[in-house]
Amino acid sequence: DTIETGGALGVLMAQNVIAFGDAQ
């Protein structure tokens, strides 16, 4: 699901596991 996936990635980005804006 793209919605749940985007939500999951957003929370990870808030924790700096991935940087916001880091598409790769």
PDBML (XML) file of the C-alpha atoms, coordinates in Angstrom:
<?xml version="1.0" encoding="UTF-8" ?>
<PDBx:datablock datablockName="MODEL"
   xmlns:PDBx="http://pdbml.pdb.org/schema/pdbx-v50.xsd"
   xmlns:xsi="http://www.w3.org/2001/XMLSchema-instance"
   xsi:schemaLocation="http://pdbml.pdb.org/schema/pdbx-v50.xsd pdbx-v50.xsd">
   <PDBx:atom_siteCategory>
      <PDBx:atom_site id="1">
         <PDBx:B_iso_or_equiv>0.00</PDBx:B_iso_or_equiv>
         <PDBx:Cartn_x>0.000</PDBx:Cartn_x>
         <PDBx:Cartn_y>0.000</PDBx:Cartn_y>
         <PDBx:Cartn_z>0.000</PDBx:Cartn_z>
         <PDBx:auth_asym_id>A</PDBx:auth_asym_id>
         <PDBx:auth_atom_id>CA</PDBx:auth_atom_id>
         <PDBx:auth_comp_id>ASP</PDBx:auth_comp_id>
         <PDBx:auth_seq_id>1</PDBx:auth_seq_id>
         <PDBx:group_PDB>ATOM</PDBx:group_PDB>
         <PDBx:label_alt_id xsi:nil="true" />
         <PDBx:label_asym_id>A</PDBx:label_asym_id>
         <PDBx:label_atom_id>CA</PDBx:label_atom_id>
         <PDBx:label_comp_id>ASP</PDBx:label_comp_id>
         <PDBx:label_entity_id>1</PDBx:label_entity_id>
         <PDBx:label_seq_id>1</PDBx:label_seq_id>
         <PDBx:occupancy>1.00</PDBx:occupancy>
         <PDBx:pdbx_PDB_model_num>1</PDBx:pdbx_PDB_model_num>
         <PDBx:type_symbol>C</PDBx:type_symbol>
      </PDBx:atom_site>
      <PDBx:atom_site id="2">
         <PDBx:B_iso_or_equiv>0.00</PDBx:B_iso_or_equiv>
         <PDBx:Cartn_x>1.529</PDBx:Cartn_x>
         <PDBx:Cartn_y>3.322</PDBx:Cartn_y>
         <PDBx:Cartn_z>-1.069</PDBx:Cartn_z>
         <PDBx:auth_asym_id>A</PDBx:auth_asym_id>
         <PDBx:auth_atom_id>CA</PDBx:auth_atom_id>
         <PDBx:auth_comp_id>THR</PDBx:auth_comp_id>
         <PDBx:auth_seq_id>2</PDBx:auth_seq_id>
         <PDBx:group_PDB>ATOM</PDBx:group_PDB>
         <PDBx:label_alt_id xsi:nil="true" />
         <PDBx:label_asym_id>A</PDBx:label_asym_id>
         <PDBx:label_atom_id>CA</PDBx:label_atom_id>
         <PDBx:label_comp_id>THR</PDBx:label_comp_id>
         <PDBx:label_entity_id>1</PDBx:label_entity_id>
         <PDBx:label_seq_id>2</PDBx:label_seq_id>
         <PDBx:occupancy>1.00</PDBx:occupancy>
         <PDBx:pdbx_PDB_model_num>1</PDBx:pdbx_PDB_model_num>
         <PDBx:type_symbol>C</PDBx:type_symbol>
      </PDBx:atom_site>
      <PDBx:atom_site id="3">
         <PDBx:B_iso_or_equiv>0.00</PDBx:B_iso_or_equiv>
         <PDBx:Cartn_x>-0.248</PDBx:Cartn_x>
         <PDBx:Cartn_y>5.225</PDBx:Cartn_y>
         <PDBx:Cartn_z>1.719</PDBx:Cartn_z>
         <PDBx:auth_asym_id>A</PDBx:auth_asym_id>
         <PDBx:auth_atom_id>CA</PDBx:auth_atom_id>
         <PDBx:auth_comp_id>ILE</PDBx:auth_comp_id>
         <PDBx:auth_seq_id>3</PDBx:auth_seq_id>
         <PDBx:group_PDB>ATOM</PDBx:group_PDB>
         <PDBx:label_alt_id xsi:nil="true" />
         <PDBx:label_asym_id>A</PDBx:label_asym_id>
         <PDBx:label_atom_id>CA</PDBx:label_atom_id>
         <PDBx:label_comp_id>ILE</PDBx:label_comp_id>
         <PDBx:label_entity_id>1</PDBx:label_entity_id>
         <PDBx:label_seq_id>3</PDBx:label_seq_id>
         <PDBx:occupancy>1.00</PDBx:occupancy>
         <PDBx:pdbx_PDB_model_num>1</PDBx:pdbx_PDB_model_num>
         <PDBx:type_symbol>C</PDBx:type_symbol>
      </PDBx:atom_site>
      <PDBx:atom_site id="4">
         <PDBx:B_iso_or_equiv>0.00</PDBx:B_iso_or_equiv>
         <PDBx:Cartn_x>0.956</PDBx:Cartn_x>
         <PDBx:Cartn_y>2.987</PDBx:Cartn_y>
         <PDBx:Cartn_z>4.540</PDBx:Cartn_z>
         <PDBx:auth_asym_id>A</PDBx:auth_asym_id>
         <PDBx:auth_atom_id>CA</PDBx:auth_atom_id>
         <PDBx:auth_comp_id>GLU</PDBx:auth_comp_id>
         <PDBx:auth_seq_id>4</PDBx:auth_seq_id>
         <PDBx:group_PDB>ATOM</PDBx:group_PDB>
         <PDBx:label_alt_id xsi:nil="true" />
         <PDBx:label_asym_id>A</PDBx:label_asym_id>
         <PDBx:label_atom_id>CA</PDBx:label_atom_id>
         <PDBx:label_comp_id>GLU</PDBx:label_comp_id>
         <PDBx:label_entity_id>1</PDBx:label_entity_id>
         <PDBx:label_seq_id>4</PDBx:label_seq_id>
         <PDBx:occupancy>1.00</PDBx:occupancy>
         <PDBx:pdbx_PDB_model_num>1</PDBx:pdbx_PDB_model_num>
         <PDBx:type_symbol>C</PDBx:type_symbol>
      </PDBx:atom_site>
      <PDBx:atom_site id="5">
         <PDBx:B_iso_or_equiv>0.00</PDBx:B_iso_or_equiv>
         <PDBx:Cartn_x>4.415</PDBx:Cartn_x>
         <PDBx:Cartn_y>2.840</PDBx:Cartn_y>
         <PDBx:Cartn_z>2.946</PDBx:Cartn_z>
         <PDBx:auth_asym_id>A</PDBx:auth_asym_id>
         <PDBx:auth_atom_id>CA</PDBx:auth_atom_id>
         <PDBx:auth_comp_id>THR</PDBx:auth_comp_id>
         <PDBx:auth_seq_id>5</PDBx:auth_seq_id>
         <PDBx:group_PDB>ATOM</PDBx:group_PDB>
         <PDBx:label_alt_id xsi:nil="true" />
         <PDBx:label_asym_id>A</PDBx:label_asym_id>
         <PDBx:label_atom_id>CA</PDBx:label_atom_id>
         <PDBx:label_comp_id>THR</PDBx:label_comp_id>
         <PDBx:label_entity_id>1</PDBx:label_entity_id>
         <PDBx:label_seq_id>5</PDBx:label_seq_id>
         <PDBx:occupancy>1.00</PDBx:occupancy>
         <PDBx:pdbx_PDB_model_num>1</PDBx:pdbx_PDB_model_num>
         <PDBx:type_symbol>C</PDBx:type_symbol>
      </PDBx:atom_site>
      <PDBx:atom_site id="6">
         <PDBx:B_iso_or_equiv>0.00</PDBx:B_iso_or_equiv>
         <PDBx:Cartn_x>4.659</PDBx:Cartn_x>
         <PDBx:Cartn_y>6.628</PDBx:Cartn_y>
         <PDBx:Cartn_z>2.780</PDBx:Cartn_z>
         <PDBx:auth_asym_id>A</PDBx:auth_asym_id>
         <PDBx:auth_atom_id>CA</PDBx:auth_atom_id>
         <PDBx:auth_comp_id>GLY</PDBx:auth_comp_id>
         <PDBx:auth_seq_id>6</PDBx:auth_seq_id>
         <PDBx:group_PDB>ATOM</PDBx:group_PDB>
         <PDBx:label_alt_id xsi:nil="true" />
         <PDBx:label_asym_id>A</PDBx:label_asym_id>
         <PDBx:label_atom_id>CA</PDBx:label_atom_id>
         <PDBx:label_comp_id>GLY</PDBx:label_comp_id>
         <PDBx:label_entity_id>1</PDBx:label_entity_id>
         <PDBx:label_seq_id>6</PDBx:label_seq_id>
         <PDBx:occupancy>1.00</PDBx:occupancy>
         <PDBx:pdbx_PDB_model_num>1</PDBx:pdbx_PDB_model_num>
         <PDBx:type_symbol>C</PDBx:type_symbol>
      </PDBx:atom_site>
      <PDBx:atom_site id="7">
         <PDBx:B_iso_or_equiv>0.00</PDBx:B_iso_or_equiv>
         <PDBx:Cartn_x>3.571</PDBx:Cartn_x>
         <PDBx:Cartn_y>6.858</PDBx:Cartn_y>
         <PDBx:Cartn_z>6.396</PDBx:Cartn_z>
         <PDBx:auth_asym_id>A</PDBx:auth_asym_id>
         <PDBx:auth_atom_id>CA</PDBx:auth_atom_id>
         <PDBx:auth_comp_id>GLY</PDBx:auth_comp_id>
         <PDBx:auth_seq_id>7</PDBx:auth_seq_id>
         <PDBx:group_PDB>ATOM</PDBx:group_PDB>
         <PDBx:label_alt_id xsi:nil="true" />
         <PDBx:label_asym_id>A</PDBx:label_asym_id>
         <PDBx:label_atom_id>CA</PDBx:label_atom_id>
         <PDBx:label_comp_id>GLY</PDBx:label_comp_id>
         <PDBx:label_entity_id>1</PDBx:label_entity_id>
         <PDBx:label_seq_id>7</PDBx:label_seq_id>
         <PDBx:occupancy>1.00</PDBx:occupancy>
         <PDBx:pdbx_PDB_model_num>1</PDBx:pdbx_PDB_model_num>
         <PDBx:type_symbol>C</PDBx:type_symbol>
      </PDBx:atom_site>
      <PDBx:atom_site id="8">
         <PDBx:B_iso_or_equiv>0.00</PDBx:B_iso_or_equiv>
         <PDBx:Cartn_x>6.161</PDBx:Cartn_x>
         <PDBx:Cartn_y>4.279</PDBx:Cartn_y>
         <PDBx:Cartn_z>7.461</PDBx:Cartn_z>
         <PDBx:auth_asym_id>A</PDBx:auth_asym_id>
         <PDBx:auth_atom_id>CA</PDBx:auth_atom_id>
         <PDBx:auth_comp_id>ALA</PDBx:auth_comp_id>
         <PDBx:auth_seq_id>8</PDBx:auth_seq_id>
         <PDBx:group_PDB>ATOM</PDBx:group_PDB>
         <PDBx:label_alt_id xsi:nil="true" />
         <PDBx:label_asym_id>A</PDBx:label_asym_id>
         <PDBx:label_atom_id>CA</PDBx:label_atom_id>
         <PDBx:label_comp_id>ALA</PDBx:label_comp_id>
         <PDBx:label_entity_id>1</PDBx:label_entity_id>
         <PDBx:label_seq_id>8</PDBx:label_seq_id>
         <PDBx:occupancy>1.00</PDBx:occupancy>
         <PDBx:pdbx_PDB_model_num>1</PDBx:pdbx_PDB_model_num>
         <PDBx:type_symbol>C</PDBx:type_symbol>
      </PDBx:atom_site>
      <PDBx:atom_site id="9">
         <PDBx:B_iso_or_equiv>0.00</PDBx:B_iso_or_equiv>
         <PDBx:Cartn_x>8.980</PDBx:Cartn_x>
         <PDBx:Cartn_y>6.035</PDBx:Cartn_y>
         <PDBx:Cartn_z>5.600</PDBx:Cartn_z>
         <PDBx:auth_asym_id>A</PDBx:auth_asym_id>
         <PDBx:auth_atom_id>CA</PDBx:auth_atom_id>
         <PDBx:auth_comp_id>LEU</PDBx:auth_comp_id>
         <PDBx:auth_seq_id>9</PDBx:auth_seq_id>
         <PDBx:group_PDB>ATOM</PDBx:group_PDB>
         <PDBx:label_alt_id xsi:nil="true" />
         <PDBx:label_asym_id>A</PDBx:label_asym_id>
         <PDBx:label_atom_id>CA</PDBx:label_atom_id>
         <PDBx:label_comp_id>LEU</PDBx:label_comp_id>
         <PDBx:label_entity_id>1</PDBx:label_entity_id>
         <PDBx:label_seq_id>9</PDBx:label_seq_id>
         <PDBx:occupancy>1.00</PDBx:occupancy>
         <PDBx:pdbx_PDB_model_num>1</PDBx:pdbx_PDB_model_num>
         <PDBx:type_symbol>C</PDBx:type_symbol>
      </PDBx:atom_site>
      <PDBx:atom_site id="10">
         <PDBx:B_iso_or_equiv>0.00</PDBx:B_iso_or_equiv>
         <PDBx:Cartn_x>7.889</PDBx:Cartn_x>
         <PDBx:Cartn_y>9.393</PDBx:Cartn_y>
         <PDBx:Cartn_z>7.008</PDBx:Cartn_z>
         <PDBx:auth_asym_id>A</PDBx:auth_asym_id>
         <PDBx:auth_atom_id>CA</PDBx:auth_atom_id>
         <PDBx:auth_comp_id>GLY</PDBx:auth_comp_id>
         <PDBx:auth_seq_id>10</PDBx:auth_seq_id>
         <PDBx:group_PDB>ATOM</PDBx:group_PDB>
         <PDBx:label_alt_id xsi:nil="true" />
         <PDBx:label_asym_id>A</PDBx:label_asym_id>
         <PDBx:label_atom_id>CA</PDBx:label_atom_id>
         <PDBx:label_comp_id>GLY</PDBx:label_comp_id>
         <PDBx:label_entity_id>1</PDBx:label_entity_id>
         <PDBx:label_seq_id>10</PDBx:label_seq_id>
         <PDBx:occupancy>1.00</PDBx:occupancy>
         <PDBx:pdbx_PDB_model_num>1</PDBx:pdbx_PDB_model_num>
         <PDBx:type_symbol>C</PDBx:type_symbol>
      </PDBx:atom_site>
      <PDBx:atom_site id="11">
         <PDBx:B_iso_or_equiv>0.00</PDBx:B_iso_or_equiv>
         <PDBx:Cartn_x>8.210</PDBx:Cartn_x>
         <PDBx:Cartn_y>8.177</PDBx:Cartn_y>
         <PDBx:Cartn_z>10.605</PDBx:Cartn_z>
         <PDBx:auth_asym_id>A</PDBx:auth_asym_id>
         <PDBx:auth_atom_id>CA</PDBx:auth_atom_id>
         <PDBx:auth_comp_id>VAL</PDBx:auth_comp_id>
         <PDBx:auth_seq_id>11</PDBx:auth_seq_id>
         <PDBx:group_PDB>ATOM</PDBx:group_PDB>
         <PDBx:label_alt_id xsi:nil="true" />
         <PDBx:label_asym_id>A</PDBx:label_asym_id>
         <PDBx:label_atom_id>CA</PDBx:label_atom_id>
         <PDBx:label_comp_id>VAL</PDBx:label_comp_id>
         <PDBx:label_entity_id>1</PDBx:label_entity_id>
         <PDBx:label_seq_id>11</PDBx:label_seq_id>
         <PDBx:occupancy>1.00</PDBx:occupancy>
         <PDBx:pdbx_PDB_model_num>1</PDBx:pdbx_PDB_model_num>
         <PDBx:type_symbol>C</PDBx:type_symbol>
      </PDBx:atom_site>
      <PDBx:atom_site id="12">
         <PDBx:B_iso_or_equiv>0.00</PDBx:B_iso_or_equiv>
         <PDBx:Cartn_x>11.627</PDBx:Cartn_x>
         <PDBx:Cartn_y>6.686</PDBx:Cartn_y>
         <PDBx:Cartn_z>9.810</PDBx:Cartn_z>
         <PDBx:auth_asym_id>A</PDBx:auth_asym_id>
         <PDBx:auth_atom_id>CA</PDBx:auth_atom_id>
         <PDBx:auth_comp_id>LEU</PDBx:auth_comp_id>
         <PDBx:auth_seq_id>12</PDBx:auth_seq_id>
         <PDBx:group_PDB>ATOM</PDBx:group_PDB>
         <PDBx:label_alt_id xsi:nil="true" />
         <PDBx:label_asym_id>A</PDBx:label_asym_id>
         <PDBx:label_atom_id>CA</PDBx:label_atom_id>
         <PDBx:label_comp_id>LEU</PDBx:label_comp_id>
         <PDBx:label_entity_id>1</PDBx:label_entity_id>
         <PDBx:label_seq_id>12</PDBx:label_seq_id>
         <PDBx:occupancy>1.00</PDBx:occupancy>
         <PDBx:pdbx_PDB_model_num>1</PDBx:pdbx_PDB_model_num>
         <PDBx:type_symbol>C</PDBx:type_symbol>
      </PDBx:atom_site>
      <PDBx:atom_site id="13">
         <PDBx:B_iso_or_equiv>0.00</PDBx:B_iso_or_equiv>
         <PDBx:Cartn_x>12.704</PDBx:Cartn_x>
         <PDBx:Cartn_y>10.015</PDBx:Cartn_y>
         <PDBx:Cartn_z>8.331</PDBx:Cartn_z>
         <PDBx:auth_asym_id>A</PDBx:auth_asym_id>
         <PDBx:auth_atom_id>CA</PDBx:auth_atom_id>
         <PDBx:auth_comp_id>MET</PDBx:auth_comp_id>
         <PDBx:auth_seq_id>13</PDBx:auth_seq_id>
         <PDBx:group_PDB>ATOM</PDBx:group_PDB>
         <PDBx:label_alt_id xsi:nil="true" />
         <PDBx:label_asym_id>A</PDBx:label_asym_id>
         <PDBx:label_atom_id>CA</PDBx:label_atom_id>
         <PDBx:label_comp_id>MET</PDBx:label_comp_id>
         <PDBx:label_entity_id>1</PDBx:label_entity_id>
         <PDBx:label_seq_id>13</PDBx:label_seq_id>
         <PDBx:occupancy>1.00</PDBx:occupancy>
         <PDBx:pdbx_PDB_model_num>1</PDBx:pdbx_PDB_model_num>
         <PDBx:type_symbol>C</PDBx:type_symbol>
      </PDBx:atom_site>
      <PDBx:atom_site id="14">
         <PDBx:B_iso_or_equiv>0.00</PDBx:B_iso_or_equiv>
         <PDBx:Cartn_x>11.529</PDBx:Cartn_x>
         <PDBx:Cartn_y>11.821</PDBx:Cartn_y>
         <PDBx:Cartn_z>11.467</PDBx:Cartn_z>
         <PDBx:auth_asym_id>A</PDBx:auth_asym_id>
         <PDBx:auth_atom_id>CA</PDBx:auth_atom_id>
         <PDBx:auth_comp_id>ALA</PDBx:auth_comp_id>
         <PDBx:auth_seq_id>14</PDBx:auth_seq_id>
         <PDBx:group_PDB>ATOM</PDBx:group_PDB>
         <PDBx:label_alt_id xsi:nil="true" />
         <PDBx:label_asym_id>A</PDBx:label_asym_id>
         <PDBx:label_atom_id>CA</PDBx:label_atom_id>
         <PDBx:label_comp_id>ALA</PDBx:label_comp_id>
         <PDBx:label_entity_id>1</PDBx:label_entity_id>
         <PDBx:label_seq_id>14</PDBx:label_seq_id>
         <PDBx:occupancy>1.00</PDBx:occupancy>
         <PDBx:pdbx_PDB_model_num>1</PDBx:pdbx_PDB_model_num>
         <PDBx:type_symbol>C</PDBx:type_symbol>
      </PDBx:atom_site>
      <PDBx:atom_site id="15">
         <PDBx:B_iso_or_equiv>0.00</PDBx:B_iso_or_equiv>
         <PDBx:Cartn_x>13.982</PDBx:Cartn_x>
         <PDBx:Cartn_y>9.583</PDBx:Cartn_y>
         <PDBx:Cartn_z>13.340</PDBx:Cartn_z>
         <PDBx:auth_asym_id>A</PDBx:auth_asym_id>
         <PDBx:auth_atom_id>CA</PDBx:auth_atom_id>
         <PDBx:auth_comp_id>GLN</PDBx:auth_comp_id>
         <PDBx:auth_seq_id>15</PDBx:auth_seq_id>
         <PDBx:group_PDB>ATOM</PDBx:group_PDB>
         <PDBx:label_alt_id xsi:nil="true" />
         <PDBx:label_asym_id>A</PDBx:label_asym_id>
         <PDBx:label_atom_id>CA</PDBx:label_atom_id>
         <PDBx:label_comp_id>GLN</PDBx:label_comp_id>
         <PDBx:label_entity_id>1</PDBx:label_entity_id>
         <PDBx:label_seq_id>15</PDBx:label_seq_id>
         <PDBx:occupancy>1.00</PDBx:occupancy>
         <PDBx:pdbx_PDB_model_num>1</PDBx:pdbx_PDB_model_num>
         <PDBx:type_symbol>C</PDBx:type_symbol>
      </PDBx:atom_site>
      <PDBx:atom_site id="16">
         <PDBx:B_iso_or_equiv>0.00</PDBx:B_iso_or_equiv>
         <PDBx:Cartn_x>16.800</PDBx:Cartn_x>
         <PDBx:Cartn_y>10.346</PDBx:Cartn_y>
         <PDBx:Cartn_z>10.855</PDBx:Cartn_z>
         <PDBx:auth_asym_id>A</PDBx:auth_asym_id>
         <PDBx:auth_atom_id>CA</PDBx:auth_atom_id>
         <PDBx:auth_comp_id>ASN</PDBx:auth_comp_id>
         <PDBx:auth_seq_id>16</PDBx:auth_seq_id>
         <PDBx:group_PDB>ATOM</PDBx:group_PDB>
         <PDBx:label_alt_id xsi:nil="true" />
         <PDBx:label_asym_id>A</PDBx:label_asym_id>
         <PDBx:label_atom_id>CA</PDBx:label_atom_id>
         <PDBx:label_comp_id>ASN</PDBx:label_comp_id>
         <PDBx:label_entity_id>1</PDBx:label_entity_id>
         <PDBx:label_seq_id>16</PDBx:label_seq_id>
         <PDBx:occupancy>1.00</PDBx:occupancy>
         <PDBx:pdbx_PDB_model_num>1</PDBx:pdbx_PDB_model_num>
         <PDBx:type_symbol>C</PDBx:type_symbol>
      </PDBx:atom_site>
      <PDBx:atom_site id="17">
         <PDBx:B_iso_or_equiv>0.00</PDBx:B_iso_or_equiv>
         <PDBx:Cartn_x>17.010</PDBx:Cartn_x>
         <PDBx:Cartn_y>6.687</PDBx:Cartn_y>
         <PDBx:Cartn_z>9.823</PDBx:Cartn_z>
         <PDBx:auth_asym_id>A</PDBx:auth_asym_id>
         <PDBx:auth_atom_id>CA</PDBx:auth_atom_id>
         <PDBx:auth_comp_id>VAL</PDBx:auth_comp_id>
         <PDBx:auth_seq_id>17</PDBx:auth_seq_id>
         <PDBx:group_PDB>ATOM</PDBx:group_PDB>
         <PDBx:label_alt_id xsi:nil="true" />
         <PDBx:label_asym_id>A</PDBx:label_asym_id>
         <PDBx:label_atom_id>CA</PDBx:label_atom_id>
         <PDBx:label_comp_id>VAL</PDBx:label_comp_id>
         <PDBx:label_entity_id>1</PDBx:label_entity_id>
         <PDBx:label_seq_id>17</PDBx:label_seq_id>
         <PDBx:occupancy>1.00</PDBx:occupancy>
         <PDBx:pdbx_PDB_model_num>1</PDBx:pdbx_PDB_model_num>
         <PDBx:type_symbol>C</PDBx:type_symbol>
      </PDBx:atom_site>
      <PDBx:atom_site id="18">
         <PDBx:B_iso_or_equiv>0.00</PDBx:B_iso_or_equiv>
         <PDBx:Cartn_x>16.661</PDBx:Cartn_x>
         <PDBx:Cartn_y>8.184</PDBx:Cartn_y>
         <PDBx:Cartn_z>6.346</PDBx:Cartn_z>
         <PDBx:auth_asym_id>A</PDBx:auth_asym_id>
         <PDBx:auth_atom_id>CA</PDBx:auth_atom_id>
         <PDBx:auth_comp_id>ILE</PDBx:auth_comp_id>
         <PDBx:auth_seq_id>18</PDBx:auth_seq_id>
         <PDBx:group_PDB>ATOM</PDBx:group_PDB>
         <PDBx:label_alt_id xsi:nil="true" />
         <PDBx:label_asym_id>A</PDBx:label_asym_id>
         <PDBx:label_atom_id>CA</PDBx:label_atom_id>
         <PDBx:label_comp_id>ILE</PDBx:label_comp_id>
         <PDBx:label_entity_id>1</PDBx:label_entity_id>
         <PDBx:label_seq_id>18</PDBx:label_seq_id>
         <PDBx:occupancy>1.00</PDBx:occupancy>
         <PDBx:pdbx_PDB_model_num>1</PDBx:pdbx_PDB_model_num>
         <PDBx:type_symbol>C</PDBx:type_symbol>
      </PDBx:atom_site>
      <PDBx:atom_site id="19">
         <PDBx:B_iso_or_equiv>0.00</PDBx:B_iso_or_equiv>
         <PDBx:Cartn_x>16.990</PDBx:Cartn_x>
         <PDBx:Cartn_y>11.912</PDBx:Cartn_y>
         <PDBx:Cartn_z>5.703</PDBx:Cartn_z>
         <PDBx:auth_asym_id>A</PDBx:auth_asym_id>
         <PDBx:auth_atom_id>CA</PDBx:auth_atom_id>
         <PDBx:auth_comp_id>ALA</PDBx:auth_comp_id>
         <PDBx:auth_seq_id>19</PDBx:auth_seq_id>
         <PDBx:group_PDB>ATOM</PDBx:group_PDB>
         <PDBx:label_alt_id xsi:nil="true" />
         <PDBx:label_asym_id>A</PDBx:label_asym_id>
         <PDBx:label_atom_id>CA</PDBx:label_atom_id>
         <PDBx:label_comp_id>ALA</PDBx:label_comp_id>
         <PDBx:label_entity_id>1</PDBx:label_entity_id>
         <PDBx:label_seq_id>19</PDBx:label_seq_id>
         <PDBx:occupancy>1.00</PDBx:occupancy>
         <PDBx:pdbx_PDB_model_num>1</PDBx:pdbx_PDB_model_num>
         <PDBx:type_symbol>C</PDBx:type_symbol>
      </PDBx:atom_site>
      <PDBx:atom_site id="20">
         <PDBx:B_iso_or_equiv>0.00</PDBx:B_iso_or_equiv>
         <PDBx:Cartn_x>13.960</PDBx:Cartn_x>
         <PDBx:Cartn_y>13.888</PDBx:Cartn_y>
         <PDBx:Cartn_z>4.552</PDBx:Cartn_z>
         <PDBx:auth_asym_id>A</PDBx:auth_asym_id>
         <PDBx:auth_atom_id>CA</PDBx:auth_atom_id>
         <PDBx:auth_comp_id>PHE</PDBx:auth_comp_id>
         <PDBx:auth_seq_id>20</PDBx:auth_seq_id>
         <PDBx:group_PDB>ATOM</PDBx:group_PDB>
         <PDBx:label_alt_id xsi:nil="true" />
         <PDBx:label_asym_id>A</PDBx:label_asym_id>
         <PDBx:label_atom_id>CA</PDBx:label_atom_id>
         <PDBx:label_comp_id>PHE</PDBx:label_comp_id>
         <PDBx:label_entity_id>1</PDBx:label_entity_id>
         <PDBx:label_seq_id>20</PDBx:label_seq_id>
         <PDBx:occupancy>1.00</PDBx:occupancy>
         <PDBx:pdbx_PDB_model_num>1</PDBx:pdbx_PDB_model_num>
         <PDBx:type_symbol>C</PDBx:type_symbol>
      </PDBx:atom_site>
      <PDBx:atom_site id="21">
         <PDBx:B_iso_or_equiv>0.00</PDBx:B_iso_or_equiv>
         <PDBx:Cartn_x>14.270</PDBx:Cartn_x>
         <PDBx:Cartn_y>14.414</PDBx:Cartn_y>
         <PDBx:Cartn_z>0.816</PDBx:Cartn_z>
         <PDBx:auth_asym_id>A</PDBx:auth_asym_id>
         <PDBx:auth_atom_id>CA</PDBx:auth_atom_id>
         <PDBx:auth_comp_id>GLY</PDBx:auth_comp_id>
         <PDBx:auth_seq_id>21</PDBx:auth_seq_id>
         <PDBx:group_PDB>ATOM</PDBx:group_PDB>
         <PDBx:label_alt_id xsi:nil="true" />
         <PDBx:label_asym_id>A</PDBx:label_asym_id>
         <PDBx:label_atom_id>CA</PDBx:label_atom_id>
         <PDBx:label_comp_id>GLY</PDBx:label_comp_id>
         <PDBx:label_entity_id>1</PDBx:label_entity_id>
         <PDBx:label_seq_id>21</PDBx:label_seq_id>
         <PDBx:occupancy>1.00</PDBx:occupancy>
         <PDBx:pdbx_PDB_model_num>1</PDBx:pdbx_PDB_model_num>
         <PDBx:type_symbol>C</PDBx:type_symbol>
      </PDBx:atom_site>
      <PDBx:atom_site id="22">
         <PDBx:B_iso_or_equiv>0.00</PDBx:B_iso_or_equiv>
         <PDBx:Cartn_x>16.569</PDBx:Cartn_x>
         <PDBx:Cartn_y>11.406</PDBx:Cartn_y>
         <PDBx:Cartn_z>0.348</PDBx:Cartn_z>
         <PDBx:auth_asym_id>A</PDBx:auth_asym_id>
         <PDBx:auth_atom_id>CA</PDBx:auth_atom_id>
         <PDBx:auth_comp_id>ASP</PDBx:auth_comp_id>
         <PDBx:auth_seq_id>22</PDBx:auth_seq_id>
         <PDBx:group_PDB>ATOM</PDBx:group_PDB>
         <PDBx:label_alt_id xsi:nil="true" />
         <PDBx:label_asym_id>A</PDBx:label_asym_id>
         <PDBx:label_atom_id>CA</PDBx:label_atom_id>
         <PDBx:label_comp_id>ASP</PDBx:label_comp_id>
         <PDBx:label_entity_id>1</PDBx:label_entity_id>
         <PDBx:label_seq_id>22</PDBx:label_seq_id>
         <PDBx:occupancy>1.00</PDBx:occupancy>
         <PDBx:pdbx_PDB_model_num>1</PDBx:pdbx_PDB_model_num>
         <PDBx:type_symbol>C</PDBx:type_symbol>
      </PDBx:atom_site>
      <PDBx:atom_site id="23">
         <PDBx:B_iso_or_equiv>0.00</PDBx:B_iso_or_equiv>
         <PDBx:Cartn_x>14.707</PDBx:Cartn_x>
         <PDBx:Cartn_y>9.646</PDBx:Cartn_y>
         <PDBx:Cartn_z>-2.461</PDBx:Cartn_z>
         <PDBx:auth_asym_id>A</PDBx:auth_asym_id>
         <PDBx:auth_atom_id>CA</PDBx:auth_atom_id>
         <PDBx:auth_comp_id>ALA</PDBx:auth_comp_id>
         <PDBx:auth_seq_id>23</PDBx:auth_seq_id>
         <PDBx:group_PDB>ATOM</PDBx:group_PDB>
         <PDBx:label_alt_id xsi:nil="true" />
         <PDBx:label_asym_id>A</PDBx:label_asym_id>
         <PDBx:label_atom_id>CA</PDBx:label_atom_id>
         <PDBx:label_comp_id>ALA</PDBx:label_comp_id>
         <PDBx:label_entity_id>1</PDBx:label_entity_id>
         <PDBx:label_seq_id>23</PDBx:label_seq_id>
         <PDBx:occupancy>1.00</PDBx:occupancy>
         <PDBx:pdbx_PDB_model_num>1</PDBx:pdbx_PDB_model_num>
         <PDBx:type_symbol>C</PDBx:type_symbol>
      </PDBx:atom_site>
      <PDBx:atom_site id="24">
         <PDBx:B_iso_or_equiv>0.00</PDBx:B_iso_or_equiv>
         <PDBx:Cartn_x>17.462</PDBx:Cartn_x>
         <PDBx:Cartn_y>7.115</PDBx:Cartn_y>
         <PDBx:Cartn_z>-3.082</PDBx:Cartn_z>
         <PDBx:auth_asym_id>A</PDBx:auth_asym_id>
         <PDBx:auth_atom_id>CA</PDBx:auth_atom_id>
         <PDBx:auth_comp_id>GLN</PDBx:auth_comp_id>
         <PDBx:auth_seq_id>24</PDBx:auth_seq_id>
         <PDBx:group_PDB>ATOM</PDBx:group_PDB>
         <PDBx:label_alt_id xsi:nil="true" />
         <PDBx:label_asym_id>A</PDBx:label_asym_id>
         <PDBx:label_atom_id>CA</PDBx:label_atom_id>
         <PDBx:label_comp_id>GLN</PDBx:label_comp_id>
         <PDBx:label_entity_id>1</PDBx:label_entity_id>
         <PDBx:label_seq_id>24</PDBx:label_seq_id>
         <PDBx:occupancy>1.00</PDBx:occupancy>
         <PDBx:pdbx_PDB_model_num>1</PDBx:pdbx_PDB_model_num>
         <PDBx:type_symbol>C</PDBx:type_symbol>
      </PDBx:atom_site>
   </PDBx:atom_siteCategory>
</PDBx:datablock>
